Amino acid sequence: MEYAKQRLDELENMYDLLANNPSWVHPKVSQCAFGWMLKEILDLRAVLGIV
């Protein structure tokens, strides 16, 4: 579970960083990246019991 929590923290930080700096990523890539990261974040939250 510690690994899952660490991975969740890393993904949330990466998501926030990209969301705050949209010019860093091409629009088509960012849409895919944000979708993937959001799914991973939500899946990890479900595994950890975080609502």
PDB file of N, CA and C in Angstrom:
ATOM      1  N   MET A   1       0.811  -1.200   0.000  1.00  0.00           N
ATOM      2  CA  MET A   1       0.000   0.000   0.000  1.00  0.00           C
ATOM      3  C   MET A   1       0.857   1.268   0.000  1.00  0.00           C
ATOM      4  N   GLU A   2       2.028   1.178   0.594  1.00  0.00           N
ATOM      5  CA  GLU A   2       2.904   2.354   0.627  1.00  0.00           C
ATOM      6  C   GLU A   2       3.303   2.770  -0.788  1.00  0.00           C
ATOM      7  N   TYR A   3       3.568   1.774  -1.636  1.00  0.00           N
ATOM      8  CA  TYR A   3       3.923   2.082  -3.025  1.00  0.00           C
ATOM      9  C   TYR A   3       2.751   2.765  -3.732  1.00  0.00           C
ATOM     10  N   ALA A   4       1.539   2.295  -3.496  1.00  0.00           N
ATOM     11  CA  ALA A   4       0.363   2.885  -4.132  1.00  0.00           C
ATOM     12  C   ALA A   4       0.189   4.339  -3.696  1.00  0.00           C
ATOM     13  N   LYS A   5       0.394   4.611  -2.418  1.00  0.00           N
ATOM     14  CA  LYS A   5       0.276   5.982  -1.905  1.00  0.00           C
ATOM     15  C   LYS A   5       1.360   6.872  -2.502  1.00  0.00           C
ATOM     16  N   GLN A   6       2.578   6.343  -2.598  1.00  0.00           N
ATOM     17  CA  GLN A   6       3.680   7.114  -3.191  1.00  0.00           C
ATOM     18  C   GLN A   6       3.379   7.410  -4.663  1.00  0.00           C
ATOM     19  N   ARG A   7       2.901   6.408  -5.380  1.00  0.00           N
ATOM     20  CA  ARG A   7       2.566   6.586  -6.804  1.00  0.00           C
ATOM     21  C   ARG A   7       1.434   7.603  -6.963  1.00  0.00           C
ATOM     22  N   LEU A   8       0.438   7.541  -6.093  1.00  0.00           N
ATOM     23  CA  LEU A   8      -0.661   8.503  -6.138  1.00  0.00           C
ATOM     24  C   LEU A   8      -0.139   9.925  -5.937  1.00  0.00           C
ATOM     25  N   ASP A   9       0.716  10.114  -4.952  1.00  0.00           N
ATOM     26  CA  ASP A   9       1.282  11.443  -4.694  1.00  0.00           C
ATOM     27  C   ASP A   9       2.061  11.956  -5.906  1.00  0.00           C
ATOM     28  N   GLU A  10       2.857  11.067  -6.520  1.00  0.00           N
ATOM     29  CA  GLU A  10       3.645  11.465  -7.690  1.00  0.00           C
ATOM     30  C   GLU A  10       2.743  11.860  -8.860  1.00  0.00           C
ATOM     31  N   LEU A  11       1.721  11.066  -9.106  1.00  0.00           N
ATOM     32  CA  LEU A  11       0.811  11.371 -10.214  1.00  0.00           C
ATOM     33  C   LEU A  11       0.037  12.666  -9.976  1.00  0.00           C
ATOM     34  N   GLU A  12      -0.408  12.879  -8.741  1.00  0.00           N
ATOM     35  CA  GLU A  12      -1.134  14.116  -8.437  1.00  0.00           C
ATOM     36  C   GLU A  12      -0.228  15.329  -8.609  1.00  0.00           C
ATOM     37  N   ASN A  13       1.026  15.212  -8.189  1.00  0.00           N
ATOM     38  CA  ASN A  13       1.973  16.318  -8.371  1.00  0.00           C
ATOM     39  C   ASN A  13       2.238  16.578  -9.846  1.00  0.00           C
ATOM     40  N   MET A  14       2.410  15.511 -10.631  1.00  0.00           N
ATOM     41  CA  MET A  14       2.647  15.656 -12.061  1.00  0.00           C
ATOM     42  C   MET A  14       1.423  16.275 -12.753  1.00  0.00           C
ATOM     43  N   TYR A  15       0.250  15.823 -12.364  1.00  0.00           N
ATOM     44  CA  TYR A  15      -0.988  16.354 -12.938  1.00  0.00           C
ATOM     45  C   TYR A  15      -1.103  17.852 -12.648  1.00  0.00           C
ATOM     46  N   ASP A  16      -0.861  18.230 -11.399  1.00  0.00           N
ATOM     47  CA  ASP A  16      -0.929  19.644 -11.023  1.00  0.00           C
ATOM     48  C   ASP A  16       0.110  20.475 -11.774  1.00  0.00           C
ATOM     49  N   LEU A  17       1.313  19.943 -11.894  1.00  0.00           N
ATOM     50  CA  LEU A  17       2.379  20.656 -12.593  1.00  0.00           C
ATOM     51  C   LEU A  17       2.006  20.910 -14.056  1.00  0.00           C
ATOM     52  N   LEU A  18       1.502  19.888 -14.726  1.00  0.00           N
ATOM     53  CA  LEU A  18       1.106  20.048 -16.134  1.00  0.00           C
ATOM     54  C   LEU A  18      -0.116  20.942 -16.273  1.00  0.00           C
ATOM     55  N   ALA A  19      -1.056  20.823 -15.349  1.00  0.00           N
ATOM     56  CA  ALA A  19      -2.259  21.658 -15.407  1.00  0.00           C
ATOM     57  C   ALA A  19      -1.916  23.135 -15.226  1.00  0.00           C
ATOM     58  N   ASN A  20      -0.902  23.410 -14.418  1.00  0.00           N
ATOM     59  CA  ASN A  20      -0.498  24.790 -14.174  1.00  0.00           C
ATOM     60  C   ASN A  20       0.424  25.347 -15.260  1.00  0.00           C
ATOM     61  N   ASN A  21       0.915  24.470 -16.141  1.00  0.00           N
ATOM     62  CA  ASN A  21       1.831  24.882 -17.213  1.00  0.00           C
ATOM     63  C   ASN A  21       1.428  24.232 -18.540  1.00  0.00           C
ATOM     64  N   PRO A  22       0.242  24.537 -19.049  1.00  0.00           N
ATOM     65  CA  PRO A  22      -0.256  23.862 -20.252  1.00  0.00           C
ATOM     66  C   PRO A  22       0.602  24.087 -21.495  1.00  0.00           C
ATOM     67  N   SER A  23       1.384  25.144 -21.522  1.00  0.00           N
ATOM     68  CA  SER A  23       2.217  25.419 -22.698  1.00  0.00           C
ATOM     69  C   SER A  23       3.365  24.419 -22.826  1.00  0.00           C
ATOM     70  N   TRP A  24       3.630  23.638 -21.792  1.00  0.00           N
ATOM     71  CA  TRP A  24       4.711  22.660 -21.829  1.00  0.00           C
ATOM     72  C   TRP A  24       4.385  21.458 -22.710  1.00  0.00           C
ATOM     73  N   VAL A  25       3.086  21.214 -22.932  1.00  0.00           N
ATOM     74  CA  VAL A  25       2.664  19.992 -23.616  1.00  0.00           C
ATOM     75  C   VAL A  25       1.787  20.341 -24.812  1.00  0.00           C
ATOM     76  N   HIS A  26       1.993  19.643 -25.923  1.00  0.00           N
ATOM     77  CA  HIS A  26       1.170  19.824 -27.114  1.00  0.00           C
ATOM     78  C   HIS A  26      -0.280  19.483 -26.753  1.00  0.00           C
ATOM     79  N   PRO A  27      -1.260  20.249 -27.253  1.00  0.00           N
ATOM     80  CA  PRO A  27      -2.668  20.038 -26.873  1.00  0.00           C
ATOM     81  C   PRO A  27      -3.169  18.604 -27.060  1.00  0.00           C
ATOM     82  N   LYS A  28      -2.821  17.946 -28.166  1.00  0.00           N
ATOM     83  CA  LYS A  28      -3.306  16.580 -28.373  1.00  0.00           C
ATOM     84  C   LYS A  28      -2.661  15.615 -27.379  1.00  0.00           C
ATOM     85  N   VAL A  29      -1.407  15.832 -27.092  1.00  0.00           N
ATOM     86  CA  VAL A  29      -0.720  14.974 -26.119  1.00  0.00           C
ATOM     87  C   VAL A  29      -1.272  15.228 -24.724  1.00  0.00           C
ATOM     88  N   SER A  30      -1.497  16.490 -24.398  1.00  0.00           N
ATOM     89  CA  SER A  30      -1.958  16.799 -23.052  1.00  0.00           C
ATOM     90  C   SER A  30      -3.336  16.204 -22.787  1.00  0.00           C
ATOM     91  N   GLN A  31      -4.196  16.179 -23.789  1.00  0.00           N
ATOM     92  CA  GLN A  31      -5.524  15.595 -23.602  1.00  0.00           C
ATOM     93  C   GLN A  31      -5.400  14.110 -23.260  1.00  0.00           C
ATOM     94  N   CYS A  32      -4.554  13.398 -23.975  1.00  0.00           N
ATOM     95  CA  CYS A  32      -4.326  11.974 -23.682  1.00  0.00           C
ATOM     96  C   CYS A  32      -3.653  11.798 -22.330  1.00  0.00           C
ATOM     97  N   ALA A  33      -2.639  12.623 -22.064  1.00  0.00           N
ATOM     98  CA  ALA A  33      -1.896  12.503 -20.812  1.00  0.00           C
ATOM     99  C   ALA A  33      -2.785  12.799 -19.610  1.00  0.00           C
ATOM    100  N   PHE A  34      -3.578  13.855 -19.697  1.00  0.00           N
ATOM    101  CA  PHE A  34      -4.457  14.191 -18.587  1.00  0.00           C
ATOM    102  C   PHE A  34      -5.496  13.105 -18.370  1.00  0.00           C
ATOM    103  N   GLY A  35      -6.035  12.564 -19.451  1.00  0.00           N
ATOM    104  CA  GLY A  35      -7.017  11.482 -19.329  1.00  0.00           C
ATOM    105  C   GLY A  35      -6.424  10.261 -18.662  1.00  0.00           C
ATOM    106  N   TRP A  36      -5.210   9.880 -19.079  1.00  0.00           N
ATOM    107  CA  TRP A  36      -4.548   8.713 -18.501  1.00  0.00           C
ATOM    108  C   TRP A  36      -4.223   8.952 -17.032  1.00  0.00           C
ATOM    109  N   MET A  37      -3.650  10.127 -16.737  1.00  0.00           N
ATOM    110  CA  MET A  37      -3.281  10.420 -15.346  1.00  0.00           C
ATOM    111  C   MET A  37      -4.501  10.468 -14.445  1.00  0.00           C
ATOM    112  N   LEU A  38      -5.583  11.073 -14.933  1.00  0.00           N
ATOM    113  CA  LEU A  38      -6.794  11.156 -14.120  1.00  0.00           C
ATOM    114  C   LEU A  38      -7.341   9.764 -13.828  1.00  0.00           C
ATOM    115  N   LYS A  39      -7.335   8.881 -14.826  1.00  0.00           N
ATOM    116  CA  LYS A  39      -7.792   7.508 -14.607  1.00  0.00           C
ATOM    117  C   LYS A  39      -6.911   6.799 -13.586  1.00  0.00           C
ATOM    118  N   GLU A  40      -5.602   6.941 -13.701  1.00  0.00           N
ATOM    119  CA  GLU A  40      -4.688   6.318 -12.749  1.00  0.00           C
ATOM    120  C   GLU A  40      -4.905   6.860 -11.336  1.00  0.00           C
ATOM    121  N   ILE A  41      -5.077   8.175 -11.229  1.00  0.00           N
ATOM    122  CA  ILE A  41      -5.308   8.798  -9.919  1.00  0.00           C
ATOM    123  C   ILE A  41      -6.588   8.260  -9.296  1.00  0.00           C
ATOM    124  N   LEU A  42      -7.651   8.207 -10.085  1.00  0.00           N
ATOM    125  CA  LEU A  42      -8.930   7.718  -9.552  1.00  0.00           C
ATOM    126  C   LEU A  42      -8.856   6.240  -9.183  1.00  0.00           C
ATOM    127  N   ASP A  43      -8.163   5.440  -9.999  1.00  0.00           N
ATOM    128  CA  ASP A  43      -7.998   4.015  -9.681  1.00  0.00           C
ATOM    129  C   ASP A  43      -7.208   3.828  -8.390  1.00  0.00           C
ATOM    130  N   LEU A  44      -6.123   4.574  -8.235  1.00  0.00           N
ATOM    131  CA  LEU A  44      -5.327   4.461  -7.009  1.00  0.00           C
ATOM    132  C   LEU A  44      -6.096   4.936  -5.782  1.00  0.00           C
ATOM    133  N   ARG A  45      -6.874   5.971  -5.943  1.00  0.00           N
ATOM    134  CA  ARG A  45      -7.693   6.438  -4.822  1.00  0.00           C
ATOM    135  C   ARG A  45      -8.697   5.377  -4.420  1.00  0.00           C
ATOM    136  N   ALA A  46      -9.281   4.691  -5.404  1.00  0.00           N
ATOM    137  CA  ALA A  46     -10.230   3.619  -5.108  1.00  0.00           C
ATOM    138  C   ALA A  46      -9.540   2.480  -4.360  1.00  0.00           C
ATOM    139  N   VAL A  47      -8.350   2.097  -4.805  1.00  0.00           N
ATOM    140  CA  VAL A  47      -7.585   1.023  -4.163  1.00  0.00           C
ATOM    141  C   VAL A  47      -7.256   1.395  -2.717  1.00  0.00           C
ATOM    142  N   LEU A  48      -6.902   2.646  -2.511  1.00  0.00           N
ATOM    143  CA  LEU A  48      -6.514   3.111  -1.168  1.00  0.00           C
ATOM    144  C   LEU A  48      -7.696   3.505  -0.298  1.00  0.00           C
ATOM    145  N   GLY A  49      -8.902   3.510  -0.870  1.00  0.00           N
ATOM    146  CA  GLY A  49     -10.085   3.873  -0.107  1.00  0.00           C
ATOM    147  C   GLY A  49     -10.234   5.363   0.130  1.00  0.00           C
ATOM    148  N   ILE A  50      -9.627   6.155  -0.768  1.00  0.00           N
ATOM    149  CA  ILE A  50      -9.707   7.620  -0.675  1.00  0.00           C
ATOM    150  C   ILE A  50     -10.821   8.089  -1.593  1.00  0.00           C
ATOM    151  N   VAL A  51     -11.733   8.857  -1.044  1.00  0.00           N
ATOM    152  CA  VAL A  51     -12.858   9.344  -1.860  1.00  0.00           C
ATOM    153  C   VAL A  51     -12.553  10.689  -2.435  1.00  0.00           C
TER     154      VAL A  51
END
